[in-house]
Amino acid sequence: MSEPDVREIRRNIKLSQTEFALAFGLELTTVRAWEQGLRRPNGPARMLMILIDRIPDVVMAALRDSKPVVQKM
């Protein structure tokens, strides 16, 4: 499996860096670091980028329809 090109993935779904970070629950600084080649997505983030690249509409719909989990203390 090749390294996901985060900039290309983001551009293919026509989102700004800020929109991309918000849509997928990422830190904007992380997205920028990935795009600048300072860091690479790994582990679950790498898998998320692969899924966004292959099935962006499904991933976006799943995240949009999910409800945040609230933990009681």
PDB file of N, CA and C in Angstrom:
ATOM      1  N   MET A   1       0.836  -1.165   0.000  1.00  0.00           N
ATOM      2  CA  MET A   1       0.000   0.000   0.000  1.00  0.00           C
ATOM      3  C   MET A   1       0.889   1.239   0.000  1.00  0.00           C
ATOM      4  N   SER A   2       0.615   2.172  -0.897  1.00  0.00           N
ATOM      5  CA  SER A   2       1.425   3.383  -0.964  1.00  0.00           C
ATOM      6  C   SER A   2       0.958   4.408   0.076  1.00  0.00           C
ATOM      7  N   GLU A   3       1.809   5.383   0.310  1.00  0.00           N
ATOM      8  CA  GLU A   3       1.485   6.449   1.258  1.00  0.00           C
ATOM      9  C   GLU A   3       0.341   7.295   0.709  1.00  0.00           C
ATOM     10  N   PRO A   4      -0.653   7.588   1.531  1.00  0.00           N
ATOM     11  CA  PRO A   4      -1.732   8.453   1.061  1.00  0.00           C
ATOM     12  C   PRO A   4      -1.221   9.881   0.860  1.00  0.00           C
ATOM     13  N   ASP A   5      -1.610  10.486  -0.249  1.00  0.00           N
ATOM     14  CA  ASP A   5      -1.261  11.884  -0.541  1.00  0.00           C
ATOM     15  C   ASP A   5      -2.405  12.741  -0.019  1.00  0.00           C
ATOM     16  N   VAL A   6      -2.255  13.253   1.179  1.00  0.00           N
ATOM     17  CA  VAL A   6      -3.338  13.967   1.857  1.00  0.00           C
ATOM     18  C   VAL A   6      -3.778  15.189   1.062  1.00  0.00           C
ATOM     19  N   ARG A   7      -2.848  15.937   0.517  1.00  0.00           N
ATOM     20  CA  ARG A   7      -3.202  17.119  -0.276  1.00  0.00           C
ATOM     21  C   ARG A   7      -4.074  16.722  -1.472  1.00  0.00           C
ATOM     22  N   GLU A   8      -3.679  15.675  -2.160  1.00  0.00           N
ATOM     23  CA  GLU A   8      -4.440  15.216  -3.326  1.00  0.00           C
ATOM     24  C   GLU A   8      -5.819  14.697  -2.912  1.00  0.00           C
ATOM     25  N   ILE A   9      -5.881  13.959  -1.832  1.00  0.00           N
ATOM     26  CA  ILE A   9      -7.161  13.449  -1.335  1.00  0.00           C
ATOM     27  C   ILE A   9      -8.085  14.617  -1.011  1.00  0.00           C
ATOM     28  N   ARG A  10      -7.552  15.611  -0.297  1.00  0.00           N
ATOM     29  CA  ARG A  10      -8.352  16.785   0.085  1.00  0.00           C
ATOM     30  C   ARG A  10      -8.814  17.554  -1.139  1.00  0.00           C
ATOM     31  N   ARG A  11      -7.937  17.756  -2.091  1.00  0.00           N
ATOM     32  CA  ARG A  11      -8.300  18.500  -3.308  1.00  0.00           C
ATOM     33  C   ARG A  11      -9.336  17.750  -4.135  1.00  0.00           C
ATOM     34  N   ASN A  12      -9.242  16.421  -4.161  1.00  0.00           N
ATOM     35  CA  ASN A  12     -10.217  15.627  -4.921  1.00  0.00           C
ATOM     36  C   ASN A  12     -11.630  15.770  -4.378  1.00  0.00           C
ATOM     37  N   ILE A  13     -11.756  15.988  -3.074  1.00  0.00           N
ATOM     38  CA  ILE A  13     -13.104  16.156  -2.518  1.00  0.00           C
ATOM     39  C   ILE A  13     -13.456  17.632  -2.319  1.00  0.00           C
ATOM     40  N   LYS A  14     -12.576  18.498  -2.851  1.00  0.00           N
ATOM     41  CA  LYS A  14     -12.843  19.938  -2.931  1.00  0.00           C
ATOM     42  C   LYS A  14     -13.126  20.595  -1.583  1.00  0.00           C
ATOM     43  N   LEU A  15     -12.226  20.337  -0.627  1.00  0.00           N
ATOM     44  CA  LEU A  15     -12.331  20.953   0.689  1.00  0.00           C
ATOM     45  C   LEU A  15     -11.060  21.743   0.980  1.00  0.00           C
ATOM     46  N   SER A  16     -11.225  22.847   1.687  1.00  0.00           N
ATOM     47  CA  SER A  16     -10.051  23.576   2.168  1.00  0.00           C
ATOM     48  C   SER A  16      -9.411  22.752   3.282  1.00  0.00           C
ATOM     49  N   GLN A  17      -8.229  23.148   3.705  1.00  0.00           N
ATOM     50  CA  GLN A  17      -7.585  22.440   4.811  1.00  0.00           C
ATOM     51  C   GLN A  17      -8.458  22.493   6.064  1.00  0.00           C
ATOM     52  N   THR A  18      -9.028  23.662   6.320  1.00  0.00           N
ATOM     53  CA  THR A  18      -9.877  23.821   7.507  1.00  0.00           C
ATOM     54  C   THR A  18     -11.122  22.952   7.407  1.00  0.00           C
ATOM     55  N   GLU A  19     -11.780  22.953   6.261  1.00  0.00           N
ATOM     56  CA  GLU A  19     -12.980  22.130   6.068  1.00  0.00           C
ATOM     57  C   GLU A  19     -12.650  20.646   6.210  1.00  0.00           C
ATOM     58  N   PHE A  20     -11.519  20.243   5.649  1.00  0.00           N
ATOM     59  CA  PHE A  20     -11.090  18.841   5.710  1.00  0.00           C
ATOM     60  C   PHE A  20     -10.858  18.429   7.163  1.00  0.00           C
ATOM     61  N   ALA A  21     -10.148  19.259   7.905  1.00  0.00           N
ATOM     62  CA  ALA A  21      -9.870  18.959   9.312  1.00  0.00           C
ATOM     63  C   ALA A  21     -11.172  18.844  10.102  1.00  0.00           C
ATOM     64  N   LEU A  22     -12.076  19.779   9.922  1.00  0.00           N
ATOM     65  CA  LEU A  22     -13.351  19.751  10.638  1.00  0.00           C
ATOM     66  C   LEU A  22     -14.195  18.545  10.244  1.00  0.00           C
ATOM     67  N   ALA A  23     -14.241  18.237   8.948  1.00  0.00           N
ATOM     68  CA  ALA A  23     -15.080  17.140   8.459  1.00  0.00           C
ATOM     69  C   ALA A  23     -14.652  15.790   9.021  1.00  0.00           C
ATOM     70  N   PHE A  24     -13.352  15.627   9.265  1.00  0.00           N
ATOM     71  CA  PHE A  24     -12.844  14.315   9.663  1.00  0.00           C
ATOM     72  C   PHE A  24     -12.264  14.286  11.072  1.00  0.00           C
ATOM     73  N   GLY A  25     -12.522  15.325  11.848  1.00  0.00           N
ATOM     74  CA  GLY A  25     -12.089  15.343  13.240  1.00  0.00           C
ATOM     75  C   GLY A  25     -10.586  15.390  13.427  1.00  0.00           C
ATOM     76  N   LEU A  26      -9.924  16.136  12.555  1.00  0.00           N
ATOM     77  CA  LEU A  26      -8.469  16.235  12.606  1.00  0.00           C
ATOM     78  C   LEU A  26      -8.052  17.628  13.060  1.00  0.00           C
ATOM     79  N   GLU A  27      -6.868  17.727  13.608  1.00  0.00           N
ATOM     80  CA  GLU A  27      -6.301  19.027  13.932  1.00  0.00           C
ATOM     81  C   GLU A  27      -5.801  19.668  12.642  1.00  0.00           C
ATOM     82  N   LEU A  28      -6.084  20.956  12.472  1.00  0.00           N
ATOM     83  CA  LEU A  28      -5.633  21.671  11.280  1.00  0.00           C
ATOM     84  C   LEU A  28      -4.115  21.623  11.167  1.00  0.00           C
ATOM     85  N   THR A  29      -3.424  21.743  12.277  1.00  0.00           N
ATOM     86  CA  THR A  29      -1.957  21.695  12.239  1.00  0.00           C
ATOM     87  C   THR A  29      -1.451  20.335  11.757  1.00  0.00           C
ATOM     88  N   THR A  30      -2.186  19.286  12.067  1.00  0.00           N
ATOM     89  CA  THR A  30      -1.815  17.944  11.607  1.00  0.00           C
ATOM     90  C   THR A  30      -1.982  17.833  10.096  1.00  0.00           C
ATOM     91  N   VAL A  31      -3.114  18.307   9.586  1.00  0.00           N
ATOM     92  CA  VAL A  31      -3.347  18.272   8.134  1.00  0.00           C
ATOM     93  C   VAL A  31      -2.244  19.050   7.419  1.00  0.00           C
ATOM     94  N   ARG A  32      -1.917  20.215   7.929  1.00  0.00           N
ATOM     95  CA  ARG A  32      -0.857  21.028   7.307  1.00  0.00           C
ATOM     96  C   ARG A  32       0.485  20.306   7.342  1.00  0.00           C
ATOM     97  N   ALA A  33       0.806  19.685   8.471  1.00  0.00           N
ATOM     98  CA  ALA A  33       2.075  18.959   8.583  1.00  0.00           C
ATOM     99  C   ALA A  33       2.129  17.797   7.598  1.00  0.00           C
ATOM    100  N   TRP A  34       1.019  17.089   7.431  1.00  0.00           N
ATOM    101  CA  TRP A  34       0.979  15.994   6.462  1.00  0.00           C
ATOM    102  C   TRP A  34       1.193  16.524   5.054  1.00  0.00           C
ATOM    103  N   GLU A  35       0.511  17.609   4.717  1.00  0.00           N
ATOM    104  CA  GLU A  35       0.615  18.146   3.360  1.00  0.00           C
ATOM    105  C   GLU A  35       1.998  18.727   3.070  1.00  0.00           C
ATOM    106  N   GLN A  36       2.667  19.229   4.085  1.00  0.00           N
ATOM    107  CA  GLN A  36       4.002  19.800   3.906  1.00  0.00           C
ATOM    108  C   GLN A  36       5.091  18.737   3.987  1.00  0.00           C
ATOM    109  N   GLY A  37       4.700  17.508   4.258  1.00  0.00           N
ATOM    110  CA  GLY A  37       5.667  16.426   4.338  1.00  0.00           C
ATOM    111  C   GLY A  37       6.457  16.399   5.635  1.00  0.00           C
ATOM    112  N   LEU A  38       6.004  17.168   6.621  1.00  0.00           N
ATOM    113  CA  LEU A  38       6.687  17.182   7.912  1.00  0.00           C
ATOM    114  C   LEU A  38       6.345  15.952   8.735  1.00  0.00           C
ATOM    115  N   ARG A  39       5.173  15.416   8.518  1.00  0.00           N
ATOM    116  CA  ARG A  39       4.711  14.204   9.190  1.00  0.00           C
ATOM    117  C   ARG A  39       3.934  13.375   8.180  1.00  0.00           C
ATOM    118  N   ARG A  40       3.692  12.116   8.543  1.00  0.00           N
ATOM    119  CA  ARG A  40       2.876  11.241   7.702  1.00  0.00           C
ATOM    120  C   ARG A  40       1.771  10.653   8.552  1.00  0.00           C
ATOM    121  N   PRO A  41       0.590  10.480   7.955  1.00  0.00           N
ATOM    122  CA  PRO A  41      -0.456   9.794   8.717  1.00  0.00           C
ATOM    123  C   PRO A  41      -0.055   8.340   8.940  1.00  0.00           C
ATOM    124  N   ASN A  42      -0.256   7.858  10.164  1.00  0.00           N
ATOM    125  CA  ASN A  42       0.047   6.454  10.435  1.00  0.00           C
ATOM    126  C   ASN A  42      -1.060   5.861  11.280  1.00  0.00           C
ATOM    127  N   GLY A  43      -1.055   4.553  11.401  1.00  0.00           N
ATOM    128  CA  GLY A  43      -2.066   3.858  12.183  1.00  0.00           C
ATOM    129  C   GLY A  43      -3.477   4.165  11.692  1.00  0.00           C
ATOM    130  N   PRO A  44      -4.388   4.461  12.614  1.00  0.00           N
ATOM    131  CA  PRO A  44      -5.777   4.731  12.241  1.00  0.00           C
ATOM    132  C   PRO A  44      -5.918   5.927  11.294  1.00  0.00           C
ATOM    133  N   ALA A  45      -5.070   6.936  11.452  1.00  0.00           N
ATOM    134  CA  ALA A  45      -5.143   8.105  10.566  1.00  0.00           C
ATOM    135  C   ALA A  45      -4.814   7.719   9.126  1.00  0.00           C
ATOM    136  N   ARG A  46      -3.858   6.838   8.960  1.00  0.00           N
ATOM    137  CA  ARG A  46      -3.494   6.360   7.610  1.00  0.00           C
ATOM    138  C   ARG A  46      -4.664   5.593   6.983  1.00  0.00           C
ATOM    139  N   MET A  47      -5.290   4.743   7.782  1.00  0.00           N
ATOM    140  CA  MET A  47      -6.447   3.991   7.276  1.00  0.00           C
ATOM    141  C   MET A  47      -7.593   4.938   6.924  1.00  0.00           C
ATOM    142  N   LEU A  48      -7.807   5.958   7.754  1.00  0.00           N
ATOM    143  CA  LEU A  48      -8.854   6.941   7.467  1.00  0.00           C
ATOM    144  C   LEU A  48      -8.568   7.641   6.141  1.00  0.00           C
ATOM    145  N   MET A  49      -7.324   8.023   5.892  1.00  0.00           N
ATOM    146  CA  MET A  49      -6.979   8.698   4.631  1.00  0.00           C
ATOM    147  C   MET A  49      -7.225   7.779   3.434  1.00  0.00           C
ATOM    148  N   ILE A  50      -6.910   6.501   3.591  1.00  0.00           N
ATOM    149  CA  ILE A  50      -7.147   5.545   2.499  1.00  0.00           C
ATOM    150  C   ILE A  50      -8.643   5.424   2.226  1.00  0.00           C
ATOM    151  N   LEU A  51      -9.448   5.346   3.285  1.00  0.00           N
ATOM    152  CA  LEU A  51     -10.905   5.256   3.110  1.00  0.00           C
ATOM    153  C   LEU A  51     -11.471   6.530   2.486  1.00  0.00           C
ATOM    154  N   ILE A  52     -10.998   7.682   2.942  1.00  0.00           N
ATOM    155  CA  ILE A  52     -11.470   8.948   2.364  1.00  0.00           C
ATOM    156  C   ILE A  52     -11.108   8.996   0.886  1.00  0.00           C
ATOM    157  N   ASP A  53      -9.929   8.530   0.549  1.00  0.00           N
ATOM    158  CA  ASP A  53      -9.496   8.524  -0.848  1.00  0.00           C
ATOM    159  C   ASP A  53     -10.377   7.608  -1.702  1.00  0.00           C
ATOM    160  N   ARG A  54     -10.721   6.445  -1.184  1.00  0.00           N
ATOM    161  CA  ARG A  54     -11.459   5.447  -1.971  1.00  0.00           C
ATOM    162  C   ARG A  54     -12.972   5.645  -1.948  1.00  0.00           C
ATOM    163  N   ILE A  55     -13.522   6.017  -0.789  1.00  0.00           N
ATOM    164  CA  ILE A  55     -14.980   6.143  -0.658  1.00  0.00           C
ATOM    165  C   ILE A  55     -15.347   7.390   0.160  1.00  0.00           C
ATOM    166  N   PRO A  56     -14.986   8.566  -0.351  1.00  0.00           N
ATOM    167  CA  PRO A  56     -15.182   9.788   0.438  1.00  0.00           C
ATOM    168  C   PRO A  56     -16.631  10.032   0.839  1.00  0.00           C
ATOM    169  N   ASP A  57     -17.564   9.779  -0.049  1.00  0.00           N
ATOM    170  CA  ASP A  57     -18.974  10.043   0.269  1.00  0.00           C
ATOM    171  C   ASP A  57     -19.470   9.166   1.413  1.00  0.00           C
ATOM    172  N   VAL A  58     -19.039   7.920   1.427  1.00  0.00           N
ATOM    173  CA  VAL A  58     -19.454   6.990   2.481  1.00  0.00           C
ATOM    174  C   VAL A  58     -18.879   7.430   3.822  1.00  0.00           C
ATOM    175  N   VAL A  59     -17.600   7.775   3.836  1.00  0.00           N
ATOM    176  CA  VAL A  59     -16.958   8.199   5.081  1.00  0.00           C
ATOM    177  C   VAL A  59     -17.607   9.477   5.599  1.00  0.00           C
ATOM    178  N   MET A  60     -17.822  10.442   4.707  1.00  0.00           N
ATOM    179  CA  MET A  60     -18.427  11.705   5.124  1.00  0.00           C
ATOM    180  C   MET A  60     -19.846  11.488   5.651  1.00  0.00           C
ATOM    181  N   ALA A  61     -20.614  10.636   4.995  1.00  0.00           N
ATOM    182  CA  ALA A  61     -21.980  10.352   5.449  1.00  0.00           C
ATOM    183  C   ALA A  61     -21.964   9.656   6.801  1.00  0.00           C
ATOM    184  N   ALA A  62     -21.063   8.714   6.982  1.00  0.00           N
ATOM    185  CA  ALA A  62     -20.996   7.989   8.250  1.00  0.00           C
ATOM    186  C   ALA A  62     -20.636   8.934   9.395  1.00  0.00           C
ATOM    187  N   LEU A  63     -19.708   9.828   9.161  1.00  0.00           N
ATOM    188  CA  LEU A  63     -19.313  10.771  10.205  1.00  0.00           C
ATOM    189  C   LEU A  63     -20.388  11.822  10.452  1.00  0.00           C
ATOM    190  N   ARG A  64     -21.046  12.250   9.412  1.00  0.00           N
ATOM    191  CA  ARG A  64     -22.109  13.250   9.537  1.00  0.00           C
ATOM    192  C   ARG A  64     -23.286  12.685  10.323  1.00  0.00           C
ATOM    193  N   ASP A  65     -23.593  11.420  10.117  1.00  0.00           N
ATOM    194  CA  ASP A  65     -24.747  10.785  10.762  1.00  0.00           C
ATOM    195  C   ASP A  65     -24.448  10.265  12.160  1.00  0.00           C
ATOM    196  N   SER A  66     -23.166  10.290  12.550  1.00  0.00           N
ATOM    197  CA  SER A  66     -22.838   9.758  13.875  1.00  0.00           C
ATOM    198  C   SER A  66     -23.119  10.801  14.951  1.00  0.00           C
ATOM    199  N   LYS A  67     -23.475  10.310  16.097  1.00  0.00           N
ATOM    200  CA  LYS A  67     -23.748  11.163  17.237  1.00  0.00           C
ATOM    201  C   LYS A  67     -22.530  11.133  18.164  1.00  0.00           C
ATOM    202  N   PRO A  68     -22.107  12.275  18.695  1.00  0.00           N
ATOM    203  CA  PRO A  68     -20.976  12.255  19.601  1.00  0.00           C
ATOM    204  C   PRO A  68     -21.314  11.471  20.879  1.00  0.00           C
ATOM    205  N   VAL A  69     -20.331  10.792  21.393  1.00  0.00           N
ATOM    206  CA  VAL A  69     -20.517  10.022  22.618  1.00  0.00           C
ATOM    207  C   VAL A  69     -20.180  10.928  23.795  1.00  0.00           C
ATOM    208  N   VAL A  70     -21.089  11.025  24.722  1.00  0.00           N
ATOM    209  CA  VAL A  70     -20.880  11.839  25.914  1.00  0.00           C
ATOM    210  C   VAL A  70     -20.649  10.907  27.090  1.00  0.00           C
ATOM    211  N   GLN A  71     -19.531  11.065  27.741  1.00  0.00           N
ATOM    212  CA  GLN A  71     -19.223  10.227  28.890  1.00  0.00           C
ATOM    213  C   GLN A  71     -19.689  10.928  30.156  1.00  0.00           C
ATOM    214  N   LYS A  72     -20.340  10.176  31.024  1.00  0.00           N
ATOM    215  CA  LYS A  72     -20.755  10.722  32.308  1.00  0.00           C
ATOM    216  C   LYS A  72     -19.653  10.509  33.322  1.00  0.00           C
ATOM    217  N   MET A  73     -19.451  11.478  34.157  1.00  0.00           N
ATOM    218  CA  MET A  73     -18.422  11.381  35.191  1.00  0.00           C
ATOM    219  C   MET A  73     -19.031  10.969  36.491  1.00  0.00           C
TER     220      MET A  73
END
